[in-house]
C-alpha atoms as a PDB file:
ATOM      1  CA  MET A   1      50.365 -22.554-111.736  1.00  0.00           C
ATOM      2  CA  PHE A   2      52.047 -21.757-109.140  1.00  0.00           C
ATOM      3  CA  LYS A   3      53.382 -25.376-107.851  1.00  0.00           C
ATOM      4  CA  GLN A   4      54.453 -25.950-111.720  1.00  0.00           C
ATOM      5  CA  ALA A   5      56.683 -22.947-111.590  1.00  0.00           C
ATOM      6  CA  PHE A   6      57.808 -23.836-108.169  1.00  0.00           C
ATOM      7  CA  LEU A   7      58.535 -27.878-109.556  1.00  0.00           C
ATOM      8  CA  THR A   8      60.630 -26.126-112.366  1.00  0.00           C
ATOM      9  CA  ALA A   9      62.790 -24.371-111.129  1.00  0.00           C
ATOM     10  CA  ALA A  10      63.512 -26.809-108.394  1.00  0.00           C
ATOM     11  CA  LEU A  11      64.041 -29.361-111.131  1.00  0.00           C
ATOM     12  CA  ALA A  12      66.607 -26.518-113.061  1.00  0.00           C
ATOM     13  CA  ALA A  13      67.958 -25.878-109.546  1.00  0.00           C
ATOM     14  CA  THR A  14      69.041 -29.512-109.698  1.00  0.00           C
ATOM     15  CA  LEU A  15      70.158 -29.828-113.021  1.00  0.00           C
ATOM     16  CA  GLY A  16      73.035 -27.192-112.353  1.00  0.00           C
ATOM     17  CA  VAL A  17      70.830 -25.234-114.967  1.00  0.00           C
ATOM     18  CA  THR A  18      68.728 -21.304-114.534  1.00  0.00           C
ATOM     19  CA  ALA A  19      67.397 -20.005-117.648  1.00  0.00           C
ATOM     20  CA  VAL A  20      65.038 -17.215-118.070  1.00  0.00           C
ATOM     21  CA  PRO A  21      64.125 -17.420-121.852  1.00  0.00           C
ATOM     22  CA  ALA A  22      62.306 -13.263-121.795  1.00  0.00           C
ATOM     23  CA  SER A  23      66.157 -12.359-120.846  1.00  0.00           C
ATOM     24  CA  ALA A  24      67.996 -15.024-122.308  1.00  0.00           C
ATOM     25  CA  VAL A  25      70.585 -15.295-119.514  1.00  0.00           C
ATOM     26  CA  THR A  26      71.725 -18.589-119.649  1.00  0.00           C
ATOM     27  CA  VAL A  27      73.576 -19.433-115.750  1.00  0.00           C
ATOM     28  CA  ILE A  28      75.063 -23.028-115.249  1.00  0.00           C
ATOM     29  CA  THR A  29      77.328 -24.852-112.936  1.00  0.00           C
ATOM     30  CA  VAL A  30      79.717 -26.157-115.690  1.00  0.00           C
ATOM     31  CA  ALA A  31      82.522 -24.534-117.045  1.00  0.00           C
ATOM     32  CA  PRO A  32      82.451 -24.015-120.835  1.00  0.00           C
ATOM     33  CA  PRO A  33      85.021 -25.636-122.851  1.00  0.00           C
ATOM     34  CA  ALA A  34      88.536 -24.116-123.747  1.00  0.00           C
ATOM     35  CA  VAL A  35      87.595 -21.474-127.086  1.00  0.00           C
ATOM     36  CA  ARG A  36      88.185 -22.578-130.579  1.00  0.00           C
ATOM     37  CA  HIS A  37      90.454 -20.828-132.389  1.00  0.00           C
ATOM     38  CA  GLU A  38      88.678 -19.215-135.522  1.00  0.00           C
ATOM     39  CA  MET A  39      90.405 -18.020-138.898  1.00  0.00           C
ATOM     40  CA  VAL A  40      89.114 -14.695-138.947  1.00  0.00           C
ATOM     41  CA  PRO A  41      88.099 -13.279-142.766  1.00  0.00           C
ATOM     42  CA  PRO A  42      89.965 -10.418-144.252  1.00  0.00           C
ATOM     43  CA  ASP A  43      87.922  -7.218-143.816  1.00  0.00           C
ATOM     44  CA  ARG A  44      84.367  -6.956-145.250  1.00  0.00           C
ATOM     45  CA  PRO A  45      83.484  -2.938-145.878  1.00  0.00           C
ATOM     46  CA  GLY A  46      80.294  -2.600-143.849  1.00  0.00           C
ATOM     47  CA  TYR A  47      80.506  -5.745-141.646  1.00  0.00           C
ATOM     48  CA  THR A  48      81.788  -6.443-137.779  1.00  0.00           C
ATOM     49  CA  TRP A  49      83.013 -10.242-137.427  1.00  0.00           C
ATOM     50  CA  ALA A  50      81.024 -11.442-134.610  1.00  0.00           C
ATOM     51  CA  PRO A  51      83.815 -14.180-133.125  1.00  0.00           C
ATOM     52  CA  GLY A  52      82.098 -18.116-132.298  1.00  0.00           C
ATOM     53  CA  TYR A  53      81.136 -19.026-128.660  1.00  0.00           C
ATOM     54  CA  TRP A  54      80.188 -21.841-126.995  1.00  0.00           C
ATOM     55  CA  ASP A  55      76.080 -21.680-126.378  1.00  0.00           C
ATOM     56  CA  TYR A  56      74.697 -24.079-123.978  1.00  0.00           C
ATOM     57  CA  ARG A  57      71.773 -25.962-125.002  1.00  0.00           C
ATOM     58  CA  GLY A  58      69.607 -28.982-124.676  1.00  0.00           C
ATOM     59  CA  HIS A  59      71.950 -29.095-121.232  1.00  0.00           C
ATOM     60  CA  ARG A  60      75.271 -29.264-123.241  1.00  0.00           C
ATOM     61  CA  HIS A  61      77.926 -26.820-124.738  1.00  0.00           C
ATOM     62  CA  MET A  62      77.165 -26.748-128.168  1.00  0.00           C
ATOM     63  CA  TRP A  63      79.870 -24.312-130.448  1.00  0.00           C
ATOM     64  CA  VAL A  64      77.940 -21.074-132.313  1.00  0.00           C
ATOM     65  CA  SER A  65      80.195 -20.255-135.584  1.00  0.00           C
ATOM     66  CA  GLY A  66      81.835 -17.093-135.799  1.00  0.00           C
ATOM     67  CA  HIS A  67      79.454 -14.924-138.797  1.00  0.00           C
ATOM     68  CA  TRP A  68      79.824 -11.552-140.437  1.00  0.00           C
ATOM     69  CA  MET A  69      76.773  -8.938-138.851  1.00  0.00           C
ATOM     70  CA  ARG A  70      76.356  -5.750-141.020  1.00  0.00           C
ATOM     71  CA  ASP A  71      77.493  -2.658-138.871  1.00  0.00           C
ATOM     72  CA  ARG A  72      75.546  -0.949-137.170  1.00  0.00           C
ATOM     73  CA  ARG A  73      77.128   3.336-137.307  1.00  0.00           C
ATOM     74  CA  GLY A  74      77.779   4.331-133.872  1.00  0.00           C
ATOM     75  CA  TYR A  75      77.980   1.377-132.385  1.00  0.00           C
ATOM     76  CA  ALA A  76      80.408  -1.428-131.304  1.00  0.00           C
ATOM     77  CA  TYR A  77      79.821  -4.833-131.046  1.00  0.00           C
ATOM     78  CA  HIS A  78      80.968  -6.754-127.890  1.00  0.00           C
ATOM     79  CA  ALA A  79      81.271 -10.510-128.702  1.00  0.00           C
ATOM     80  CA  PRO A  80      79.522 -13.184-126.671  1.00  0.00           C
ATOM     81  CA  GLU A  81      81.522 -13.975-123.029  1.00  0.00           C
ATOM     82  CA  TRP A  82      81.179 -17.102-119.956  1.00  0.00           C
ATOM     83  CA  VAL A  83      82.055 -14.951-116.502  1.00  0.00           C
ATOM     84  CA  GLU A  84      82.078 -16.817-113.564  1.00  0.00           C
ATOM     85  CA  HIS A  85      81.100 -16.131-109.929  1.00  0.00           C
ATOM     86  CA  ASN A  86      81.315 -18.151-107.108  1.00  0.00           C
ATOM     87  CA  GLY A  87      81.467 -21.984-109.201  1.00  0.00           C
ATOM     88  CA  ARG A  88      78.352 -20.454-111.542  1.00  0.00           C
ATOM     89  CA  TRP A  89      78.717 -19.161-114.781  1.00  0.00           C
ATOM     90  CA  THR A  90      76.669 -16.406-116.954  1.00  0.00           C
ATOM     91  CA  LEU A  91      76.717 -16.148-121.033  1.00  0.00           C
ATOM     92  CA  GLN A  92      76.721 -12.668-121.729  1.00  0.00           C
ATOM     93  CA  ARG A  93      75.665 -12.147-124.963  1.00  0.00           C
ATOM     94  CA  GLY A  94      76.757 -10.417-127.685  1.00  0.00           C
ATOM     95  CA  ALA A  95      75.510  -7.113-128.174  1.00  0.00           C
ATOM     96  CA  TRP A  96      75.622  -3.503-129.651  1.00  0.00           C
ATOM     97  CA  SER A  97      76.574  -0.157-127.371  1.00  0.00           C
ATOM     98  CA  ARG A  98      76.626   3.099-128.449  1.00  0.00           C
ATOM     99  CA  HIS A  99      79.392   3.574-126.494  1.00  0.00           C
ATOM    100  CA  ASP A 100      83.482   4.060-127.920  1.00  0.00           C
ATOM    101  CA  LYS A 101      84.624   0.707-126.431  1.00  0.00           C
ATOM    102  CA  ASP A 102      86.919  -0.500-128.469  1.00  0.00           C
ATOM    103  CA  GLY A 103      89.641   1.943-126.213  1.00  0.00           C
ATOM    104  CA  ASP A 104      91.732   3.847-129.325  1.00  0.00           C
ATOM    105  CA  GLY A 105      89.543   7.088-127.876  1.00  0.00           C
ATOM    106  CA  VAL A 106      87.938   7.736-130.906  1.00  0.00           C
ATOM    107  CA  PRO A 107      84.038   8.272-130.952  1.00  0.00           C
ATOM    108  CA  ASN A 108      82.031   5.404-132.710  1.00  0.00           C
ATOM    109  CA  ARG A 109      80.240   7.837-135.188  1.00  0.00           C
ATOM    110  CA  ALA A 110      83.663   9.427-136.676  1.00  0.00           C
ATOM    111  CA  ASP A 111      85.773   6.254-136.345  1.00  0.00           C
ATOM    112  CA  ASN A 112      86.063   3.925-139.703  1.00  0.00           C
ATOM    113  CA  HIS A 113      86.962   0.754-137.621  1.00  0.00           C
ATOM    114  CA  PRO A 114      84.856   1.320-134.196  1.00  0.00           C
ATOM    115  CA  ASN A 115      85.717  -2.613-133.597  1.00  0.00           C
ATOM    116  CA  ASN A 116      89.310  -2.563-133.598  1.00  0.00           C
ATOM    117  CA  PRO A 117      91.054  -0.926-131.410  1.00  0.00           C
ATOM    118  CA  ASN A 118      94.249  -0.599-133.538  1.00  0.00           C
ATOM    119  CA  ARG A 119      92.744   1.102-136.127  1.00  0.00           C
ATOM    120  CA  SER A 120      90.989   4.000-136.460  1.00  0.00           C
END
């Protein structure tokens, strides 16, 4: 069992990819393409727009289109983003946070637009 895990890790390192399925973290040595610009639809009450992003599947980048997600009262959504550190790229998956991360100073529980810093 250990030998198989070691060989799998060695193969992943050779390909420049390390994936940890349980935590859904993707680390690669290939930079993602430029973000595609999508037309954001008009506001939809009770929903948050999750913008599109480049995912890494099957040893290549694949575009995941933006979509609507039902709001979570008291939470703010943070879109997925790629972060580079020492030549390695890590995909930080989209997630909901209980904190006021849009920077408008209005607690999310009292914010009519918790994911938009320009509106409160």
